[in-house]
Amino acid sequence: MERFSQLNQLLAHIWSEVEQGGREPGHPYNTPTFGTVSSRGASLRTVVLRRVDAKARSLLFHSDCRAQKIKEIQHQNRVTWHFWDSNSKQQLRLMGEADLHFDDELANEVWQSSHPKSLKIYVKPTAPNTKVDQPRSGLSEQVESVRLSELAQVASGRENFAVVRTLIDEIDFLHLHPEGNYRASFVWTPQGVESSWMIP
């Protein structure tokens, strides 16, 4: 198992793995935990990482604009992403500020480039977090059963669609390694990135 000893090589490795997670559904980083702050404390959920731009230090996923996490970001846009790879025993915590996109160029571009199957959840007329008397998705039987291949089939869901993008300004890396655990920190400031090794 590789053990990193150079901070610049480690940072390149981190971004390479996160970018892979944004491209490959089977990658351990494809479904990270996304954390916001609610009125009751930390609020965590699994999201699908849709896009990563390492040069811009941005991560992106999409959501129902009526979801609780959207309200939480509007109130406090400081967020945390948590990644864990059980094979390499590497943990990442990426922190930054999230911005929301509803009806702008980015939201339109992400909608247009997404597969209809991943957009059908936005067709439901009832908002997420609504109490119901039995387990159900909120989608009609017609939408649940149809094979989706065209955006026109989910067009009514566009009004419920939002893109959440995070500009990362801090990374905390932890490696549970057979030769000894180690940890690193990367913080971006106006002067550049400050890199340091930390005691786990």
N, C-alpha and C. Protein backbone atom coordinates (compact mmCIF):
# COMPACT_ATOMS: atom_id res chain seq x y z
N MET A 1 0.84 -1.19 0.00
CA MET A 1 0.00 0.00 0.00
C MET A 1 0.89 1.25 0.00
N GLU A 2 0.63 2.16 -0.95
CA GLU A 2 1.47 3.34 -1.08
C GLU A 2 1.35 4.24 0.16
N ARG A 3 2.49 4.77 0.56
CA ARG A 3 2.52 5.71 1.68
C ARG A 3 3.14 7.01 1.16
N PHE A 4 2.41 8.08 1.19
CA PHE A 4 2.89 9.34 0.61
C PHE A 4 3.81 10.06 1.58
N SER A 5 4.90 10.62 1.05
CA SER A 5 5.85 11.35 1.88
C SER A 5 6.07 12.78 1.38
N GLN A 6 5.50 13.11 0.22
CA GLN A 6 5.60 14.46 -0.34
C GLN A 6 4.20 15.07 -0.41
N LEU A 7 4.03 16.24 0.17
CA LEU A 7 2.71 16.87 0.24
C LEU A 7 2.15 17.21 -1.14
N ASN A 8 3.01 17.66 -2.06
CA ASN A 8 2.52 18.01 -3.40
C ASN A 8 2.03 16.78 -4.15
N GLN A 9 2.74 15.64 -3.98
CA GLN A 9 2.30 14.40 -4.61
C GLN A 9 0.99 13.91 -3.99
N LEU A 10 0.87 14.06 -2.69
CA LEU A 10 -0.36 13.66 -2.02
C LEU A 10 -1.54 14.49 -2.50
N LEU A 11 -1.37 15.79 -2.63
CA LEU A 11 -2.46 16.65 -3.08
C LEU A 11 -2.89 16.28 -4.50
N ALA A 12 -1.94 16.00 -5.36
CA ALA A 12 -2.26 15.57 -6.73
C ALA A 12 -3.04 14.26 -6.71
N HIS A 13 -2.63 13.35 -5.83
CA HIS A 13 -3.33 12.07 -5.68
C HIS A 13 -4.77 12.28 -5.21
N ILE A 14 -4.96 13.15 -4.24
CA ILE A 14 -6.30 13.42 -3.71
C ILE A 14 -7.23 13.90 -4.82
N TRP A 15 -6.80 14.91 -5.56
CA TRP A 15 -7.66 15.45 -6.61
C TRP A 15 -7.91 14.44 -7.73
N SER A 16 -6.89 13.63 -8.03
CA SER A 16 -7.06 12.59 -9.05
C SER A 16 -8.14 11.60 -8.64
N GLU A 17 -8.12 11.18 -7.37
CA GLU A 17 -9.11 10.22 -6.88
C GLU A 17 -10.50 10.83 -6.83
N VAL A 18 -10.60 12.07 -6.39
CA VAL A 18 -11.91 12.73 -6.32
C VAL A 18 -12.48 12.92 -7.72
N GLU A 19 -11.62 13.31 -8.66
CA GLU A 19 -12.08 13.46 -10.05
C GLU A 19 -12.58 12.12 -10.60
N GLN A 20 -11.88 11.05 -10.27
CA GLN A 20 -12.31 9.72 -10.71
C GLN A 20 -13.68 9.39 -10.11
N GLY A 21 -13.87 9.76 -8.85
CA GLY A 21 -15.16 9.54 -8.21
C GLY A 21 -16.30 10.26 -8.91
N GLY A 22 -16.01 11.42 -9.48
CA GLY A 22 -17.03 12.17 -10.21
C GLY A 22 -17.36 11.59 -11.57
N ARG A 23 -16.45 10.73 -12.09
CA ARG A 23 -16.65 10.14 -13.42
C ARG A 23 -17.16 8.71 -13.38
N GLU A 24 -16.77 7.96 -12.34
CA GLU A 24 -17.03 6.52 -12.32
C GLU A 24 -18.01 6.13 -11.22
N PRO A 25 -19.19 5.63 -11.61
CA PRO A 25 -20.20 5.24 -10.62
C PRO A 25 -19.73 4.20 -9.60
N GLY A 26 -18.79 3.33 -9.97
CA GLY A 26 -18.35 2.29 -9.05
C GLY A 26 -17.23 2.72 -8.11
N HIS A 27 -16.73 3.91 -8.28
CA HIS A 27 -15.60 4.39 -7.46
C HIS A 27 -16.08 4.68 -6.03
N PRO A 28 -15.23 4.40 -5.01
CA PRO A 28 -15.63 4.65 -3.62
C PRO A 28 -16.01 6.10 -3.35
N TYR A 29 -15.47 7.03 -4.14
CA TYR A 29 -15.77 8.44 -3.90
C TYR A 29 -16.97 8.95 -4.70
N ASN A 30 -17.67 8.06 -5.40
CA ASN A 30 -18.81 8.50 -6.20
C ASN A 30 -20.02 8.90 -5.36
N THR A 31 -20.13 8.32 -4.17
CA THR A 31 -21.27 8.64 -3.31
C THR A 31 -20.77 9.06 -1.92
N PRO A 32 -20.25 10.28 -1.82
CA PRO A 32 -19.75 10.78 -0.54
C PRO A 32 -20.87 11.24 0.38
N THR A 33 -20.49 11.58 1.59
CA THR A 33 -21.41 12.20 2.54
C THR A 33 -21.26 13.71 2.44
N PHE A 34 -22.40 14.39 2.40
CA PHE A 34 -22.40 15.85 2.28
C PHE A 34 -23.03 16.41 3.55
N GLY A 35 -22.31 17.32 4.21
CA GLY A 35 -22.76 17.84 5.49
C GLY A 35 -23.07 19.33 5.46
N THR A 36 -24.22 19.66 6.04
CA THR A 36 -24.63 21.05 6.20
C THR A 36 -24.91 21.29 7.69
N VAL A 37 -25.27 22.52 8.01
CA VAL A 37 -25.64 22.86 9.38
C VAL A 37 -27.12 23.19 9.41
N SER A 38 -27.86 22.46 10.25
CA SER A 38 -29.30 22.73 10.40
C SER A 38 -29.53 23.40 11.75
N SER A 39 -30.78 23.76 12.02
CA SER A 39 -31.12 24.38 13.31
C SER A 39 -30.93 23.41 14.46
N ARG A 40 -30.81 22.11 14.14
CA ARG A 40 -30.66 21.08 15.18
C ARG A 40 -29.24 20.53 15.24
N GLY A 41 -28.32 21.11 14.47
CA GLY A 41 -26.93 20.66 14.47
C GLY A 41 -26.48 20.18 13.10
N ALA A 42 -25.49 19.28 13.10
CA ALA A 42 -24.96 18.76 11.83
C ALA A 42 -26.02 17.94 11.12
N SER A 43 -26.08 18.08 9.80
CA SER A 43 -27.04 17.34 8.98
C SER A 43 -26.27 16.67 7.84
N LEU A 44 -26.31 15.34 7.80
CA LEU A 44 -25.52 14.56 6.85
C LEU A 44 -26.40 13.73 5.94
N ARG A 45 -25.95 13.58 4.69
CA ARG A 45 -26.65 12.69 3.77
C ARG A 45 -25.68 12.26 2.66
N THR A 46 -25.99 11.13 2.03
CA THR A 46 -25.20 10.66 0.90
C THR A 46 -25.70 11.34 -0.37
N VAL A 47 -24.78 11.81 -1.19
CA VAL A 47 -25.14 12.41 -2.48
C VAL A 47 -24.34 11.70 -3.57
N VAL A 48 -24.74 11.92 -4.81
CA VAL A 48 -23.99 11.39 -5.96
C VAL A 48 -23.12 12.52 -6.50
N LEU A 49 -21.81 12.32 -6.45
CA LEU A 49 -20.88 13.31 -6.98
C LEU A 49 -20.99 13.32 -8.51
N ARG A 50 -21.44 14.43 -9.05
CA ARG A 50 -21.71 14.49 -10.49
C ARG A 50 -20.57 15.08 -11.31
N ARG A 51 -19.79 15.97 -10.70
CA ARG A 51 -18.76 16.64 -11.49
C ARG A 51 -17.69 17.20 -10.55
N VAL A 52 -16.43 17.12 -10.99
CA VAL A 52 -15.31 17.65 -10.24
C VAL A 52 -14.42 18.45 -11.19
N ASP A 53 -14.02 19.62 -10.75
CA ASP A 53 -13.06 20.43 -11.50
C ASP A 53 -11.91 20.74 -10.54
N ALA A 54 -10.82 19.98 -10.66
CA ALA A 54 -9.70 20.12 -9.73
C ALA A 54 -9.06 21.50 -9.84
N LYS A 55 -8.93 22.04 -11.05
CA LYS A 55 -8.31 23.36 -11.22
C LYS A 55 -9.11 24.44 -10.53
N ALA A 56 -10.43 24.34 -10.61
CA ALA A 56 -11.30 25.32 -9.94
C ALA A 56 -11.58 24.94 -8.50
N ARG A 57 -11.14 23.73 -8.08
CA ARG A 57 -11.39 23.19 -6.74
C ARG A 57 -12.90 23.14 -6.45
N SER A 58 -13.67 22.67 -7.43
CA SER A 58 -15.12 22.64 -7.23
C SER A 58 -15.68 21.22 -7.37
N LEU A 59 -16.68 20.94 -6.54
CA LEU A 59 -17.43 19.69 -6.56
C LEU A 59 -18.90 20.04 -6.79
N LEU A 60 -19.62 19.15 -7.47
CA LEU A 60 -20.99 19.48 -7.85
C LEU A 60 -21.89 18.26 -7.74
N PHE A 61 -23.11 18.48 -7.24
CA PHE A 61 -24.16 17.47 -7.31
C PHE A 61 -25.47 18.20 -7.58
N HIS A 62 -26.52 17.44 -7.90
CA HIS A 62 -27.81 18.11 -8.07
C HIS A 62 -28.82 17.59 -7.06
N SER A 63 -29.87 18.39 -6.86
CA SER A 63 -30.81 18.16 -5.78
C SER A 63 -32.18 18.73 -6.14
N ASP A 64 -33.18 18.29 -5.41
CA ASP A 64 -34.50 18.92 -5.48
C ASP A 64 -34.40 20.27 -4.77
N CYS A 65 -34.83 21.33 -5.43
CA CYS A 65 -34.70 22.66 -4.85
C CYS A 65 -35.57 22.83 -3.61
N ARG A 66 -36.51 21.90 -3.39
CA ARG A 66 -37.39 21.97 -2.21
C ARG A 66 -36.83 21.19 -1.03
N ALA A 67 -35.68 20.55 -1.21
CA ALA A 67 -35.09 19.72 -0.17
C ALA A 67 -34.58 20.56 1.00
N GLN A 68 -34.51 19.93 2.16
CA GLN A 68 -34.08 20.62 3.37
C GLN A 68 -32.64 21.13 3.26
N LYS A 69 -31.77 20.37 2.57
CA LYS A 69 -30.37 20.80 2.46
C LYS A 69 -30.24 22.13 1.72
N ILE A 70 -31.16 22.40 0.80
CA ILE A 70 -31.13 23.68 0.08
C ILE A 70 -31.40 24.82 1.05
N LYS A 71 -32.40 24.64 1.89
CA LYS A 71 -32.72 25.67 2.90
C LYS A 71 -31.55 25.86 3.86
N GLU A 72 -30.90 24.75 4.23
CA GLU A 72 -29.78 24.85 5.15
C GLU A 72 -28.60 25.60 4.53
N ILE A 73 -28.35 25.37 3.25
CA ILE A 73 -27.27 26.08 2.56
C ILE A 73 -27.60 27.57 2.43
N GLN A 74 -28.87 27.88 2.18
CA GLN A 74 -29.28 29.28 2.09
C GLN A 74 -29.06 30.01 3.41
N HIS A 75 -29.19 29.29 4.51
CA HIS A 75 -28.99 29.88 5.83
C HIS A 75 -27.51 29.93 6.21
N GLN A 76 -26.76 28.86 5.87
CA GLN A 76 -25.33 28.76 6.19
C GLN A 76 -24.66 27.96 5.08
N ASN A 77 -23.85 28.64 4.27
CA ASN A 77 -23.31 27.97 3.07
C ASN A 77 -21.96 27.29 3.29
N ARG A 78 -21.49 27.25 4.53
CA ARG A 78 -20.26 26.52 4.84
C ARG A 78 -20.60 25.05 4.95
N VAL A 79 -19.96 24.19 4.11
CA VAL A 79 -20.32 22.78 4.04
C VAL A 79 -19.08 21.90 4.10
N THR A 80 -19.31 20.60 4.34
CA THR A 80 -18.23 19.62 4.39
C THR A 80 -18.62 18.39 3.56
N TRP A 81 -17.66 17.88 2.82
CA TRP A 81 -17.79 16.62 2.09
C TRP A 81 -16.92 15.58 2.79
N HIS A 82 -17.44 14.36 2.95
CA HIS A 82 -16.67 13.28 3.57
C HIS A 82 -16.59 12.11 2.60
N PHE A 83 -15.36 11.64 2.37
CA PHE A 83 -15.10 10.51 1.47
C PHE A 83 -14.35 9.43 2.25
N TRP A 84 -14.67 8.18 1.99
CA TRP A 84 -13.97 7.07 2.62
C TRP A 84 -13.77 5.97 1.60
N ASP A 85 -12.54 5.50 1.48
CA ASP A 85 -12.21 4.37 0.61
C ASP A 85 -11.78 3.22 1.51
N SER A 86 -12.63 2.19 1.62
CA SER A 86 -12.34 1.08 2.53
C SER A 86 -11.20 0.20 2.02
N ASN A 87 -10.88 0.27 0.73
CA ASN A 87 -9.77 -0.51 0.19
C ASN A 87 -8.42 0.13 0.53
N SER A 88 -8.29 1.41 0.29
CA SER A 88 -7.03 2.10 0.56
C SER A 88 -6.94 2.61 1.99
N LYS A 89 -8.06 2.58 2.72
CA LYS A 89 -8.13 3.10 4.09
C LYS A 89 -7.79 4.58 4.15
N GLN A 90 -8.26 5.31 3.13
CA GLN A 90 -8.02 6.75 3.09
C GLN A 90 -9.32 7.49 3.31
N GLN A 91 -9.26 8.50 4.16
CA GLN A 91 -10.42 9.36 4.43
C GLN A 91 -10.11 10.78 4.00
N LEU A 92 -11.10 11.41 3.39
CA LEU A 92 -10.97 12.81 3.00
C LEU A 92 -12.11 13.61 3.61
N ARG A 93 -11.78 14.78 4.10
CA ARG A 93 -12.78 15.77 4.46
C ARG A 93 -12.47 17.03 3.67
N LEU A 94 -13.38 17.44 2.80
CA LEU A 94 -13.20 18.62 1.97
C LEU A 94 -14.21 19.67 2.43
N MET A 95 -13.72 20.85 2.79
CA MET A 95 -14.57 21.91 3.29
C MET A 95 -14.56 23.11 2.34
N GLY A 96 -15.67 23.82 2.32
CA GLY A 96 -15.73 25.00 1.48
C GLY A 96 -17.08 25.67 1.55
N GLU A 97 -17.32 26.57 0.61
CA GLU A 97 -18.58 27.31 0.55
C GLU A 97 -19.38 26.85 -0.66
N ALA A 98 -20.65 26.58 -0.41
CA ALA A 98 -21.54 26.10 -1.46
C ALA A 98 -22.33 27.26 -2.07
N ASP A 99 -22.55 27.18 -3.36
CA ASP A 99 -23.48 28.12 -4.00
C ASP A 99 -24.54 27.32 -4.73
N LEU A 100 -25.72 27.92 -4.86
CA LEU A 100 -26.89 27.25 -5.41
C LEU A 100 -27.24 27.81 -6.78
N HIS A 101 -27.65 26.92 -7.68
CA HIS A 101 -28.00 27.31 -9.05
C HIS A 101 -29.35 26.69 -9.40
N PHE A 102 -30.31 27.55 -9.70
CA PHE A 102 -31.66 27.09 -9.99
C PHE A 102 -32.03 27.28 -11.46
N ASP A 103 -31.93 28.48 -11.94
CA ASP A 103 -32.39 28.78 -13.30
C ASP A 103 -31.35 29.64 -14.02
N ASP A 104 -30.11 29.18 -13.95
CA ASP A 104 -29.04 29.92 -14.61
C ASP A 104 -28.33 29.02 -15.62
N GLU A 105 -27.25 29.52 -16.18
CA GLU A 105 -26.53 28.78 -17.23
C GLU A 105 -26.00 27.44 -16.73
N LEU A 106 -25.44 27.42 -15.52
CA LEU A 106 -24.89 26.17 -15.00
C LEU A 106 -25.99 25.14 -14.77
N ALA A 107 -27.08 25.54 -14.13
CA ALA A 107 -28.18 24.61 -13.89
C ALA A 107 -28.74 24.06 -15.20
N ASN A 108 -28.89 24.93 -16.19
CA ASN A 108 -29.41 24.49 -17.48
C ASN A 108 -28.46 23.51 -18.16
N GLU A 109 -27.16 23.80 -18.06
CA GLU A 109 -26.17 22.93 -18.71
C GLU A 109 -26.13 21.55 -18.05
N VAL A 110 -26.19 21.53 -16.71
CA VAL A 110 -26.16 20.24 -16.00
C VAL A 110 -27.43 19.45 -16.31
N TRP A 111 -28.58 20.12 -16.34
CA TRP A 111 -29.84 19.44 -16.68
C TRP A 111 -29.75 18.83 -18.07
N GLN A 112 -29.30 19.61 -19.03
CA GLN A 112 -29.24 19.14 -20.42
C GLN A 112 -28.26 17.98 -20.60
N SER A 113 -27.21 17.94 -19.79
CA SER A 113 -26.19 16.90 -19.96
C SER A 113 -26.44 15.66 -19.10
N SER A 114 -27.51 15.67 -18.31
CA SER A 114 -27.81 14.54 -17.42
C SER A 114 -28.70 13.52 -18.09
N HIS A 115 -28.59 12.26 -17.65
CA HIS A 115 -29.45 11.21 -18.18
C HIS A 115 -30.85 11.35 -17.56
N PRO A 116 -31.90 11.21 -18.37
CA PRO A 116 -33.26 11.35 -17.83
C PRO A 116 -33.53 10.48 -16.60
N LYS A 117 -32.89 9.31 -16.54
CA LYS A 117 -33.12 8.41 -15.41
C LYS A 117 -32.70 9.05 -14.08
N SER A 118 -31.64 9.87 -14.13
CA SER A 118 -31.18 10.51 -12.90
C SER A 118 -31.99 11.76 -12.56
N LEU A 119 -32.88 12.16 -13.48
CA LEU A 119 -33.68 13.38 -13.27
C LEU A 119 -35.13 13.10 -12.92
N LYS A 120 -35.55 11.84 -13.01
CA LYS A 120 -36.97 11.56 -12.81
C LYS A 120 -37.44 11.86 -11.38
N ILE A 121 -36.52 11.84 -10.41
CA ILE A 121 -36.91 12.12 -9.03
C ILE A 121 -37.44 13.54 -8.86
N TYR A 122 -37.16 14.42 -9.81
CA TYR A 122 -37.62 15.81 -9.70
C TYR A 122 -39.02 16.01 -10.25
N VAL A 123 -39.59 14.96 -10.83
CA VAL A 123 -40.93 15.06 -11.41
C VAL A 123 -42.01 14.99 -10.32
N LYS A 124 -41.67 14.52 -9.13
CA LYS A 124 -42.70 14.36 -8.08
C LYS A 124 -43.29 15.71 -7.68
N PRO A 125 -44.63 15.77 -7.62
CA PRO A 125 -45.30 17.03 -7.26
C PRO A 125 -45.18 17.38 -5.78
N THR A 126 -44.95 16.37 -4.94
CA THR A 126 -44.86 16.60 -3.50
C THR A 126 -43.40 16.80 -3.10
N ALA A 127 -43.16 17.81 -2.28
CA ALA A 127 -41.80 18.15 -1.88
C ALA A 127 -41.19 17.09 -0.98
N PRO A 128 -39.87 16.90 -1.05
CA PRO A 128 -39.19 16.02 -0.11
C PRO A 128 -39.46 16.48 1.32
N ASN A 129 -39.44 15.55 2.25
CA ASN A 129 -39.64 15.83 3.68
C ASN A 129 -41.11 15.98 4.05
N THR A 130 -42.02 15.73 3.08
CA THR A 130 -43.45 15.78 3.37
C THR A 130 -43.88 14.47 4.03
N LYS A 131 -44.62 14.56 5.12
CA LYS A 131 -45.10 13.35 5.81
C LYS A 131 -46.20 12.68 4.99
N VAL A 132 -46.15 11.34 4.91
CA VAL A 132 -47.16 10.55 4.21
C VAL A 132 -47.57 9.38 5.10
N ASP A 133 -48.70 8.74 4.76
CA ASP A 133 -49.22 7.68 5.62
C ASP A 133 -48.67 6.29 5.30
N GLN A 134 -47.89 6.17 4.22
CA GLN A 134 -47.27 4.89 3.88
C GLN A 134 -46.01 5.15 3.04
N PRO A 135 -45.08 4.17 2.99
CA PRO A 135 -43.84 4.39 2.25
C PRO A 135 -44.10 4.57 0.76
N ARG A 136 -43.63 5.65 0.20
CA ARG A 136 -43.74 5.88 -1.25
C ARG A 136 -42.74 6.93 -1.69
N SER A 137 -42.43 6.90 -2.98
CA SER A 137 -41.40 7.79 -3.53
C SER A 137 -41.93 9.19 -3.83
N GLY A 138 -43.24 9.31 -4.00
CA GLY A 138 -43.81 10.59 -4.40
C GLY A 138 -44.00 10.70 -5.91
N LEU A 139 -43.46 9.73 -6.65
CA LEU A 139 -43.63 9.71 -8.10
C LEU A 139 -44.90 8.96 -8.46
N SER A 140 -45.52 9.35 -9.56
CA SER A 140 -46.71 8.63 -10.02
C SER A 140 -46.31 7.26 -10.55
N GLU A 141 -47.25 6.34 -10.60
CA GLU A 141 -46.97 4.99 -11.13
C GLU A 141 -46.50 5.07 -12.58
N GLN A 142 -47.05 6.01 -13.31
CA GLN A 142 -46.68 6.16 -14.71
C GLN A 142 -45.19 6.52 -14.85
N VAL A 143 -44.74 7.46 -14.03
CA VAL A 143 -43.33 7.87 -14.08
C VAL A 143 -42.43 6.74 -13.56
N GLU A 144 -42.86 6.07 -12.50
CA GLU A 144 -42.07 4.98 -11.91
C GLU A 144 -41.84 3.85 -12.91
N SER A 145 -42.85 3.56 -13.72
CA SER A 145 -42.79 2.37 -14.58
C SER A 145 -42.23 2.63 -15.98
N VAL A 146 -42.21 3.88 -16.42
CA VAL A 146 -41.80 4.15 -17.80
C VAL A 146 -40.28 4.08 -17.95
N ARG A 147 -39.83 3.61 -19.10
CA ARG A 147 -38.39 3.61 -19.42
C ARG A 147 -38.03 4.97 -19.97
N LEU A 148 -37.13 5.64 -19.29
CA LEU A 148 -36.79 7.00 -19.66
C LEU A 148 -35.58 7.05 -20.59
N SER A 149 -35.74 7.76 -21.69
CA SER A 149 -34.64 7.88 -22.64
C SER A 149 -34.51 9.30 -23.18
N GLU A 150 -35.49 10.15 -22.90
CA GLU A 150 -35.46 11.51 -23.44
C GLU A 150 -35.76 12.52 -22.34
N LEU A 151 -35.12 13.68 -22.42
CA LEU A 151 -35.34 14.73 -21.42
C LEU A 151 -36.79 15.21 -21.42
N ALA A 152 -37.44 15.14 -22.58
CA ALA A 152 -38.84 15.59 -22.66
C ALA A 152 -39.73 14.81 -21.70
N GLN A 153 -39.35 13.57 -21.38
CA GLN A 153 -40.16 12.74 -20.49
C GLN A 153 -40.10 13.21 -19.03
N VAL A 154 -39.09 13.99 -18.70
CA VAL A 154 -38.95 14.48 -17.32
C VAL A 154 -38.99 16.01 -17.26
N ALA A 155 -39.40 16.65 -18.33
CA ALA A 155 -39.35 18.11 -18.45
C ALA A 155 -40.06 18.83 -17.31
N SER A 156 -41.14 18.24 -16.81
CA SER A 156 -41.89 18.91 -15.74
C SER A 156 -41.10 18.99 -14.44
N GLY A 157 -40.03 18.20 -14.33
CA GLY A 157 -39.21 18.23 -13.13
C GLY A 157 -38.17 19.33 -13.12
N ARG A 158 -38.01 20.02 -14.24
CA ARG A 158 -36.96 21.05 -14.32
C ARG A 158 -37.17 22.16 -13.29
N GLU A 159 -38.41 22.50 -12.99
CA GLU A 159 -38.66 23.57 -12.03
C GLU A 159 -38.26 23.20 -10.60
N ASN A 160 -38.09 21.90 -10.34
CA ASN A 160 -37.69 21.44 -9.00
C ASN A 160 -36.20 21.14 -8.90
N PHE A 161 -35.47 21.41 -9.96
CA PHE A 161 -34.07 21.00 -10.08
C PHE A 161 -33.12 22.11 -9.61
N ALA A 162 -32.11 21.72 -8.84
CA ALA A 162 -31.09 22.67 -8.40
C ALA A 162 -29.72 22.02 -8.49
N VAL A 163 -28.72 22.82 -8.74
CA VAL A 163 -27.33 22.37 -8.72
C VAL A 163 -26.65 22.99 -7.50
N VAL A 164 -25.93 22.14 -6.78
CA VAL A 164 -25.16 22.60 -5.61
C VAL A 164 -23.68 22.45 -5.96
N ARG A 165 -22.98 23.56 -5.94
CA ARG A 165 -21.55 23.55 -6.26
C ARG A 165 -20.76 24.06 -5.05
N THR A 166 -19.67 23.40 -4.74
CA THR A 166 -18.84 23.81 -3.60
C THR A 166 -17.45 24.20 -4.08
N LEU A 167 -16.99 25.37 -3.65
CA LEU A 167 -15.61 25.76 -3.87
C LEU A 167 -14.82 25.31 -2.65
N ILE A 168 -13.92 24.37 -2.84
CA ILE A 168 -13.16 23.79 -1.73
C ILE A 168 -12.00 24.71 -1.34
N ASP A 169 -11.90 25.00 -0.04
CA ASP A 169 -10.78 25.81 0.43
C ASP A 169 -9.99 25.13 1.55
N GLU A 170 -10.38 23.89 1.89
CA GLU A 170 -9.65 23.16 2.92
C GLU A 170 -9.82 21.66 2.71
N ILE A 171 -8.75 20.92 2.83
CA ILE A 171 -8.78 19.45 2.73
C ILE A 171 -8.06 18.86 3.93
N ASP A 172 -8.69 17.88 4.54
CA ASP A 172 -8.05 17.11 5.62
C ASP A 172 -7.98 15.66 5.15
N PHE A 173 -6.76 15.12 5.11
CA PHE A 173 -6.51 13.76 4.62
C PHE A 173 -6.02 12.88 5.75
N LEU A 174 -6.58 11.68 5.85
CA LEU A 174 -6.13 10.71 6.85
C LEU A 174 -5.93 9.36 6.17
N HIS A 175 -4.77 8.73 6.45
CA HIS A 175 -4.48 7.42 5.88
C HIS A 175 -4.21 6.44 7.01
N LEU A 176 -5.05 5.42 7.11
CA LEU A 176 -4.82 4.36 8.09
C LEU A 176 -3.89 3.34 7.43
N HIS A 177 -2.61 3.47 7.71
CA HIS A 177 -1.58 2.71 6.98
C HIS A 177 -0.93 1.68 7.90
N PRO A 178 -0.61 0.47 7.37
CA PRO A 178 0.02 -0.58 8.19
C PRO A 178 1.33 -0.14 8.84
N GLU A 179 2.03 0.79 8.19
CA GLU A 179 3.30 1.26 8.74
C GLU A 179 3.13 2.45 9.69
N GLY A 180 1.88 2.82 9.94
CA GLY A 180 1.61 3.95 10.82
C GLY A 180 0.66 4.94 10.17
N ASN A 181 -0.37 5.31 10.91
CA ASN A 181 -1.34 6.28 10.39
C ASN A 181 -0.67 7.65 10.24
N TYR A 182 -1.13 8.40 9.25
CA TYR A 182 -0.62 9.76 9.08
C TYR A 182 -1.72 10.64 8.49
N ARG A 183 -1.52 11.94 8.63
CA ARG A 183 -2.56 12.90 8.27
C ARG A 183 -1.93 14.14 7.67
N ALA A 184 -2.67 14.80 6.77
CA ALA A 184 -2.18 16.03 6.15
C ALA A 184 -3.31 17.04 6.02
N SER A 185 -2.94 18.30 5.98
CA SER A 185 -3.91 19.39 5.85
C SER A 185 -3.48 20.32 4.72
N PHE A 186 -4.48 20.77 3.95
CA PHE A 186 -4.26 21.73 2.87
C PHE A 186 -5.30 22.84 3.01
N VAL A 187 -4.83 24.07 3.10
CA VAL A 187 -5.73 25.22 3.26
C VAL A 187 -5.36 26.27 2.23
N TRP A 188 -6.36 26.72 1.46
CA TRP A 188 -6.14 27.73 0.44
C TRP A 188 -6.42 29.11 1.01
N THR A 189 -5.47 30.01 0.82
CA THR A 189 -5.60 31.40 1.26
C THR A 189 -5.35 32.28 0.04
N PRO A 190 -5.56 33.59 0.16
CA PRO A 190 -5.25 34.46 -0.98
C PRO A 190 -3.79 34.37 -1.44
N GLN A 191 -2.91 33.92 -0.52
CA GLN A 191 -1.49 33.81 -0.87
C GLN A 191 -1.14 32.47 -1.52
N GLY A 192 -2.07 31.52 -1.52
CA GLY A 192 -1.81 30.20 -2.08
C GLY A 192 -2.22 29.11 -1.12
N VAL A 193 -1.72 27.90 -1.36
CA VAL A 193 -2.10 26.77 -0.53
C VAL A 193 -1.07 26.56 0.57
N GLU A 194 -1.56 26.38 1.80
CA GLU A 194 -0.70 26.07 2.94
C GLU A 194 -0.84 24.58 3.22
N SER A 195 0.24 23.84 3.08
CA SER A 195 0.24 22.37 3.24
C SER A 195 1.04 22.00 4.48
N SER A 196 0.53 21.03 5.24
CA SER A 196 1.27 20.59 6.42
C SER A 196 0.88 19.17 6.81
N TRP A 197 1.84 18.47 7.40
CA TRP A 197 1.56 17.17 7.99
C TRP A 197 0.98 17.40 9.39
N MET A 198 0.07 16.52 9.80
CA MET A 198 -0.59 16.64 11.10
C MET A 198 -0.53 15.30 11.82
N ILE A 199 -0.56 15.35 13.16
CA ILE A 199 -0.72 14.12 13.91
C ILE A 199 -2.17 13.67 13.80
N PRO A 200 -2.42 12.40 13.46
CA PRO A 200 -3.82 11.93 13.34
C PRO A 200 -4.57 12.03 14.67
